[in-house]
């Protein structure tokens, strides 16, 4: 029997032992004043999953302003860098590779995280969603429109976070330009009503992302940078698809051919968008012909579907989220066709080892 496509090595801008990627997942375990990862929890959690071809960490805020969920680890202080050093060492000692996902949630935050100040976004439009605060879920508020100076500072924050990622020993970084967070708030017309150079045209709405990308590639090689996108996100985080949404992502992804990135990371629709005007229902199939580099696809893949999308040539790598929560040895289970263990969603965002580091290997 020929080897599963998922388990074959991959070598392009990024060299991996297999094509199984651990997707970034918020787990809210940085339950300390420093919001730093710890060796006992984060270190063990990622080490247990180091057989993945590539691990992409949970989203990690690039500044204090970027935070929007409880107990998420950052990458903007020395204590956080020191915490991540322990994580990357444990993964590397097991032969694994690990990128950190750089995160700014924008308007998906709450004043409770900012000493009462408003979160920021492309425009002052409330997403009418929920923010997971230290006091539980609360309604989002109308954010403050970012000034040009704040945009420039945020570009610098991402650049500084990339420098910190190198100090912490990461193999690369992923820009979290997805899932209704800050970059997507600039991309989409429903959340961006600006009339300056960051609004209006597709090129202007993509400008902030490319300024961040260009700033990061000044401090780390392009082939150590990835970016994540969710083109057909609809009805979540205040994002709706309109006639310019897919053309915006087509513009961005085509333009990324001018770079030499590690990969782009795309999500299939999170919800059923088959009846949504202008949405694309099959993201990998739609965007694969537009991009010449490495393409990771994510969202609700199992072993068979992962092999199928690779064999069809619609992606190069497949990212798995929840299956990696309850199956630290997911790669080995795929290799030996072992049934997967179920996850406990009640412990996705709690503190401590339960539902985090206590799932057994097969």
Protein backbone atom coordinates (compact mmCIF):
# COMPACT_ATOMS: atom_id res chain seq x y z
CA UNK A 1 0.00 0.00 0.00
CA UNK A 2 1.43 3.39 -0.96
CA UNK A 3 2.07 5.83 1.84
CA UNK A 4 -0.71 8.27 2.70
CA UNK A 5 -0.14 11.68 1.13
CA UNK A 6 -0.56 13.30 4.56
CA UNK A 7 2.46 11.40 5.84
CA UNK A 8 4.85 12.22 3.00
CA UNK A 9 7.60 14.82 3.56
CA UNK A 10 7.21 18.31 2.14
CA UNK A 11 9.97 20.56 0.87
CA UNK A 12 9.54 23.93 -0.74
CA UNK A 13 10.15 27.16 1.18
CA UNK A 14 9.45 25.12 4.29
CA UNK A 15 10.79 21.61 4.90
CA UNK A 16 8.53 19.31 6.95
CA UNK A 17 8.59 15.65 7.93
CA UNK A 18 4.91 15.29 7.02
CA UNK A 19 1.99 17.36 5.77
CA UNK A 20 -0.06 17.30 8.98
CA UNK A 21 -0.14 20.77 10.52
CA UNK A 22 -1.38 21.57 14.02
CA UNK A 23 -3.73 24.51 13.57
CA UNK A 24 -3.59 27.53 15.88
CA UNK A 25 -6.13 27.20 18.70
CA UNK A 26 -6.88 29.53 21.58
CA UNK A 27 -6.66 27.52 24.81
CA UNK A 28 -6.54 30.27 27.49
CA UNK A 29 -3.92 28.61 29.70
CA UNK A 30 -1.69 31.65 30.38
CA UNK A 31 -3.32 32.14 33.75
CA UNK A 32 -0.67 34.43 35.21
CA UNK A 33 -0.08 38.16 35.55
CA UNK A 34 2.62 38.13 32.86
CA UNK A 35 0.33 36.40 30.34
CA UNK A 36 3.34 34.23 29.58
CA UNK A 37 3.38 30.57 28.53
CA UNK A 38 4.65 28.14 31.15
CA UNK A 39 6.91 25.13 30.82
CA UNK A 40 4.65 22.81 32.79
CA UNK A 41 1.55 23.51 30.71
CA UNK A 42 2.35 25.10 27.34
CA UNK A 43 5.73 23.41 27.08
CA UNK A 44 4.30 19.96 27.71
CA UNK A 45 1.22 20.56 25.51
CA UNK A 46 3.22 21.48 22.43
CA UNK A 47 5.92 18.89 23.06
CA UNK A 48 3.25 16.17 23.15
CA UNK A 49 2.20 17.21 19.63
CA UNK A 50 5.68 17.69 18.15
CA UNK A 51 5.26 14.88 15.62
CA UNK A 52 3.12 17.25 13.54
CA UNK A 53 4.94 18.39 10.42
CA UNK A 54 4.41 21.92 11.69
CA UNK A 55 2.86 23.35 14.84
CA UNK A 56 1.26 26.79 14.64
CA UNK A 57 0.72 28.13 18.14
CA UNK A 58 -2.39 29.73 19.53
CA UNK A 59 -2.80 33.38 18.61
CA UNK A 60 -0.42 35.48 20.69
CA UNK A 61 -1.05 39.19 21.12
CA UNK A 62 1.58 41.56 19.74
CA UNK A 63 0.80 44.28 22.28
CA UNK A 64 -1.35 44.93 25.32
CA UNK A 65 -3.84 46.66 23.02
CA UNK A 66 -4.10 43.55 20.86
CA UNK A 67 -5.59 41.29 23.57
CA UNK A 68 -9.23 40.24 23.43
CA UNK A 69 -9.57 36.94 25.28
CA UNK A 70 -8.73 35.85 28.80
CA UNK A 71 -5.44 34.15 29.62
CA UNK A 72 -3.94 34.26 26.13
CA UNK A 73 -0.14 34.41 25.96
CA UNK A 74 1.56 37.38 24.36
CA UNK A 75 4.85 37.91 22.56
CA UNK A 76 5.54 41.54 23.49
CA UNK A 77 7.36 41.34 26.84
CA UNK A 78 10.59 39.78 28.03
CA UNK A 79 8.72 37.45 30.39
CA UNK A 80 6.63 36.17 27.49
CA UNK A 81 9.72 35.63 25.34
CA UNK A 82 11.36 33.68 28.15
CA UNK A 83 8.25 31.54 28.53
CA UNK A 84 8.12 30.76 24.81
CA UNK A 85 11.82 29.81 24.81
CA UNK A 86 10.97 26.83 26.98
CA UNK A 87 8.18 25.82 24.60
CA UNK A 88 10.25 26.00 21.42
CA UNK A 89 13.12 24.07 23.05
CA UNK A 90 10.83 21.22 24.02
CA UNK A 91 9.36 21.02 20.52
CA UNK A 92 12.77 21.19 18.86
CA UNK A 93 14.17 18.55 21.22
CA UNK A 94 11.46 16.23 19.85
CA UNK A 95 12.39 17.06 16.25
CA UNK A 96 9.39 19.31 15.64
CA UNK A 97 8.92 22.69 13.97
CA UNK A 98 6.88 25.51 15.43
CA UNK A 99 5.61 28.89 14.18
CA UNK A 100 3.94 31.46 16.42
CA UNK A 101 0.71 33.10 15.32
CA UNK A 102 0.87 36.90 15.73
CA UNK A 103 -2.50 38.30 16.77
CA UNK A 104 -4.43 41.54 17.17
CA UNK A 105 -8.17 41.11 17.69
CA UNK A 106 -9.15 44.73 17.04
CA UNK A 107 -12.81 45.36 17.79
CA UNK A 108 -13.37 41.80 19.01
CA UNK A 109 -12.02 42.95 22.37
CA UNK A 110 -13.72 44.78 25.27
CA UNK A 111 -12.93 47.81 27.47
CA UNK A 112 -12.43 45.39 30.39
CA UNK A 113 -9.10 44.43 28.80
CA UNK A 114 -7.98 48.04 28.31
CA UNK A 115 -8.58 49.79 31.65
CA UNK A 116 -11.90 51.04 30.33
CA UNK A 117 -10.56 52.37 27.03
CA UNK A 118 -12.25 51.34 23.81
CA UNK A 119 -10.78 48.64 21.58
CA UNK A 120 -9.66 49.83 18.15
CA UNK A 121 -10.61 48.92 14.59
CA UNK A 122 -10.63 50.14 11.02
CA UNK A 123 -13.87 52.05 11.69
CA UNK A 124 -16.20 52.71 14.59
CA UNK A 125 -18.61 49.86 13.84
CA UNK A 126 -19.79 47.48 16.56
CA UNK A 127 -19.51 43.83 15.44
CA UNK A 128 -22.47 43.05 17.72
CA UNK A 129 -20.73 39.94 18.95
CA UNK A 130 -19.53 38.63 22.31
CA UNK A 131 -16.18 39.14 24.01
CA UNK A 132 -14.86 36.53 26.46
CA UNK A 133 -13.76 38.71 29.38
CA UNK A 134 -12.49 37.86 32.88
CA UNK A 135 -16.13 38.23 34.00
CA UNK A 136 -17.54 35.98 31.30
CA UNK A 137 -19.05 36.79 27.92
CA UNK A 138 -20.01 40.43 27.40
CA UNK A 139 -21.45 42.30 24.45
CA UNK A 140 -18.89 43.99 22.23
CA UNK A 141 -18.91 47.78 22.02
CA UNK A 142 -18.42 50.31 19.24
CA UNK A 143 -14.64 50.53 18.82
CA UNK A 144 -12.45 53.57 18.29
CA UNK A 145 -11.36 54.24 14.70
CA UNK A 146 -7.61 53.80 14.47
CA UNK A 147 -5.64 56.93 13.65
CA UNK A 148 -2.82 56.84 11.11
CA UNK A 149 -0.40 57.05 14.03
CA UNK A 150 -2.04 54.05 15.71
CA UNK A 151 -1.86 52.06 12.49
CA UNK A 152 1.85 52.84 12.17
CA UNK A 153 2.41 51.86 15.80
CA UNK A 154 0.60 48.58 15.22
CA UNK A 155 2.82 47.87 12.21
CA UNK A 156 5.79 48.39 14.55
CA UNK A 157 4.18 46.14 17.18
CA UNK A 158 3.97 43.28 14.68
CA UNK A 159 7.56 43.86 13.60
CA UNK A 160 8.74 43.86 17.23
CA UNK A 161 6.75 40.70 17.90
CA UNK A 162 8.51 38.99 14.99
CA UNK A 163 11.88 39.99 16.47
CA UNK A 164 10.74 38.55 19.80
CA UNK A 165 9.65 35.35 18.07
CA UNK A 166 13.18 34.88 16.74
CA UNK A 167 14.58 35.49 20.24
CA UNK A 168 12.17 32.87 21.57
CA UNK A 169 13.43 30.28 19.09
CA UNK A 170 10.47 29.99 16.76
CA UNK A 171 11.00 28.64 13.26
CA UNK A 172 8.75 31.36 11.88
CA UNK A 173 5.63 33.46 12.37
CA UNK A 174 2.08 33.41 11.03
CA UNK A 175 0.24 36.72 10.62
CA UNK A 176 -3.31 36.17 11.88
CA UNK A 177 -5.16 38.04 9.13
CA UNK A 178 -8.29 35.94 9.52
CA UNK A 179 -11.47 35.11 11.47
CA UNK A 180 -12.82 38.63 11.82
CA UNK A 181 -9.84 40.06 13.70
CA UNK A 182 -8.04 43.32 13.00
CA UNK A 183 -6.74 42.71 9.47
CA UNK A 184 -10.03 41.26 8.28
CA UNK A 185 -11.76 44.30 9.78
CA UNK A 186 -9.71 46.36 7.32
CA UNK A 187 -10.32 43.97 4.41
CA UNK A 188 -14.12 43.87 4.58
CA UNK A 189 -16.43 46.73 3.61
CA UNK A 190 -18.86 45.90 6.42
CA UNK A 191 -16.22 46.89 8.98
CA UNK A 192 -14.16 49.46 7.07
CA UNK A 193 -15.75 52.77 6.09
CA UNK A 194 -12.51 54.74 5.97
CA UNK A 195 -11.96 57.41 3.33
CA UNK A 196 -8.18 57.68 3.73
CA UNK A 197 -5.45 55.48 2.24
CA UNK A 198 -6.66 52.51 4.31
CA UNK A 199 -10.23 52.50 3.00
CA UNK A 200 -12.35 52.58 -0.11
CA UNK A 201 -10.56 50.59 -2.80
CA UNK A 202 -9.49 46.97 -2.48
CA UNK A 203 -5.85 48.06 -2.65
CA UNK A 204 -6.36 50.53 0.19
CA UNK A 205 -8.16 48.05 2.43
CA UNK A 206 -5.29 45.58 1.96
CA UNK A 207 -2.62 48.23 2.56
CA UNK A 208 -2.33 47.73 6.34
CA UNK A 209 -1.69 44.00 5.94
CA UNK A 210 1.04 44.52 3.36
CA UNK A 211 2.67 47.23 5.49
CA UNK A 212 2.86 44.72 8.34
CA UNK A 213 4.19 42.00 6.05
CA UNK A 214 6.82 44.33 4.62
CA UNK A 215 7.86 45.41 8.12
CA UNK A 216 8.21 41.81 9.31
CA UNK A 217 10.29 40.78 6.29
CA UNK A 218 12.76 43.52 7.22
CA UNK A 219 13.63 41.59 10.39
CA UNK A 220 13.14 37.91 9.45
CA UNK A 221 13.45 36.05 6.13
CA UNK A 222 10.30 35.90 4.01
CA UNK A 223 10.41 32.11 3.97
CA UNK A 224 9.84 32.17 7.73
CA UNK A 225 6.56 34.10 7.38
CA UNK A 226 3.07 32.71 6.84
CA UNK A 227 -0.34 34.37 6.72
CA UNK A 228 -3.81 33.08 7.47
CA UNK A 229 -7.05 34.10 5.71
CA UNK A 230 -10.73 33.19 5.95
CA UNK A 231 -12.25 34.53 2.70
CA UNK A 232 -15.82 33.25 3.11
CA UNK A 233 -16.25 34.10 6.79
CA UNK A 234 -19.87 35.19 7.10
CA UNK A 235 -22.18 35.91 10.00
CA UNK A 236 -19.41 35.65 12.60
CA UNK A 237 -17.43 38.39 14.36
CA UNK A 238 -19.61 40.94 12.63
CA UNK A 239 -18.26 40.01 9.19
CA UNK A 240 -20.52 39.64 6.15
CA UNK A 241 -19.56 38.71 2.61
CA UNK A 242 -20.35 41.25 -0.09
CA UNK A 243 -19.54 41.62 -3.79
CA UNK A 244 -16.01 42.87 -3.06
CA UNK A 245 -15.06 40.32 -0.39
CA UNK A 246 -13.77 37.51 -2.59
CA UNK A 247 -12.14 39.91 -5.09
CA UNK A 248 -10.30 41.45 -2.13
CA UNK A 249 -8.86 38.10 -1.10
CA UNK A 250 -8.07 37.26 -4.71
CA UNK A 251 -6.10 40.49 -4.95
CA UNK A 252 -4.23 39.78 -1.70
CA UNK A 253 -3.38 36.18 -2.53
CA UNK A 254 -2.28 36.96 -6.09
CA UNK A 255 -0.07 39.76 -4.78
CA UNK A 256 1.51 37.34 -2.32
CA UNK A 257 3.02 35.56 -5.32
CA UNK A 258 5.46 38.49 -5.41
CA UNK A 259 6.76 37.38 -2.01
CA UNK A 260 8.61 34.24 -0.98
CA UNK A 261 6.52 33.20 2.02
CA UNK A 262 6.62 29.96 3.96
CA UNK A 263 2.93 29.48 3.17
CA UNK A 264 -0.55 30.91 3.09
CA UNK A 265 -3.09 29.27 5.37
CA UNK A 266 -6.72 29.28 4.22
CA UNK A 267 -9.90 28.20 6.00
CA UNK A 268 -12.86 26.58 4.35
CA UNK A 269 -16.13 28.31 5.36
CA UNK A 270 -16.91 28.04 9.08
CA UNK A 271 -20.63 28.04 8.30
CA UNK A 272 -22.85 26.97 5.40
CA UNK A 273 -22.48 29.73 2.82
CA UNK A 274 -24.06 27.88 -0.10
CA UNK A 275 -26.96 30.37 -0.13
CA UNK A 276 -24.84 33.45 0.61
CA UNK A 277 -24.47 35.73 -2.42
CA UNK A 278 -20.85 36.29 -3.50
CA UNK A 279 -19.39 33.68 -1.10
CA UNK A 280 -17.10 30.85 -2.26
CA UNK A 281 -18.04 27.44 -0.92
CA UNK A 282 -14.80 25.59 -1.81
CA UNK A 283 -11.90 27.76 -0.76
CA UNK A 284 -8.95 25.46 -1.55
CA UNK A 285 -10.28 24.65 -5.01
CA UNK A 286 -10.94 28.35 -5.75
CA UNK A 287 -7.66 29.81 -4.52
CA UNK A 288 -5.18 27.05 -5.40
CA UNK A 289 -4.88 28.20 -9.04
CA UNK A 290 -4.20 31.76 -7.89
CA UNK A 291 -1.23 31.02 -5.63
CA UNK A 292 2.11 29.54 -6.62
CA UNK A 293 3.50 28.93 -3.15
CA UNK A 294 2.71 26.54 -0.32
CA UNK A 295 -0.98 26.39 0.60
CA UNK A 296 -2.31 25.05 3.90
CA UNK A 297 -6.04 24.31 4.11
CA UNK A 298 -8.03 24.01 7.33
CA UNK A 299 -11.51 23.42 8.79
CA UNK A 300 -13.23 20.11 9.53
CA UNK A 301 -10.85 17.79 7.71
CA UNK A 302 -10.55 14.18 8.79
CA UNK A 303 -7.87 11.73 7.68
CA UNK A 304 -9.58 10.71 4.43
CA UNK A 305 -10.55 14.25 3.42
CA UNK A 306 -7.03 15.43 4.20
CA UNK A 307 -5.49 12.85 1.91
CA UNK A 308 -8.07 13.62 -0.77
CA UNK A 309 -7.44 17.38 -0.87
CA UNK A 310 -3.70 16.76 -1.16
CA UNK A 311 -4.08 14.11 -3.85
CA UNK A 312 -6.36 16.44 -5.83
CA UNK A 313 -3.62 19.07 -5.77
CA UNK A 314 -5.82 21.68 -4.08
CA UNK A 315 -3.48 22.11 -1.10
CA UNK A 316 0.03 21.15 -0.02
CA UNK A 317 -0.58 20.79 3.73
CA UNK A 318 -3.64 20.21 5.92
CA UNK A 319 -4.13 21.87 9.32
CA UNK A 320 -6.05 20.03 12.03
CA UNK A 321 -7.47 21.78 15.07
CA UNK A 322 -9.74 19.93 17.49
CA UNK A 323 -8.40 16.46 16.56
CA UNK A 324 -5.02 17.60 17.89
CA UNK A 325 -6.58 18.63 21.21
CA UNK A 326 -7.61 15.09 22.13
CA UNK A 327 -5.03 13.20 20.06
CA UNK A 328 -1.52 14.43 20.85
CA UNK A 329 -0.27 11.55 18.68
CA UNK A 330 -2.53 12.42 15.75
CA UNK A 331 0.19 11.74 13.17
CA UNK A 332 0.89 8.29 14.61
CA UNK A 333 -2.83 7.52 14.70
CA UNK A 334 -3.11 8.44 11.02
CA UNK A 335 -0.09 6.29 10.26
CA UNK A 336 -1.54 3.24 12.00
CA UNK A 337 -5.21 3.97 11.21
CA UNK A 338 -6.07 4.14 14.90
CA UNK A 339 -9.46 5.53 15.88
CA UNK A 340 -9.35 9.09 17.17
CA UNK A 341 -10.27 10.04 20.72
CA UNK A 342 -13.09 12.54 21.27
CA UNK A 343 -12.40 16.00 22.65
CA UNK A 344 -14.13 17.62 25.61
CA UNK A 345 -15.30 21.07 24.51
CA UNK A 346 -16.04 22.02 28.13
CA UNK A 347 -12.28 22.21 28.78
CA UNK A 348 -11.25 24.07 25.63
CA UNK A 349 -10.77 27.39 27.45
CA UNK A 350 -10.39 26.45 31.09
CA UNK A 351 -7.20 26.66 33.14
CA UNK A 352 -4.87 23.90 34.22
CA UNK A 353 -3.93 20.52 32.71
CA UNK A 354 -7.43 18.99 32.49
CA UNK A 355 -8.44 18.71 28.86
CA UNK A 356 -5.05 20.12 27.87
CA UNK A 357 -2.12 17.87 28.66
CA UNK A 358 -3.94 14.83 30.06
CA UNK A 359 -5.20 13.26 26.82
CA UNK A 360 -3.37 9.92 26.49
CA UNK A 361 -1.61 8.61 23.43
CA UNK A 362 -3.01 5.49 21.82
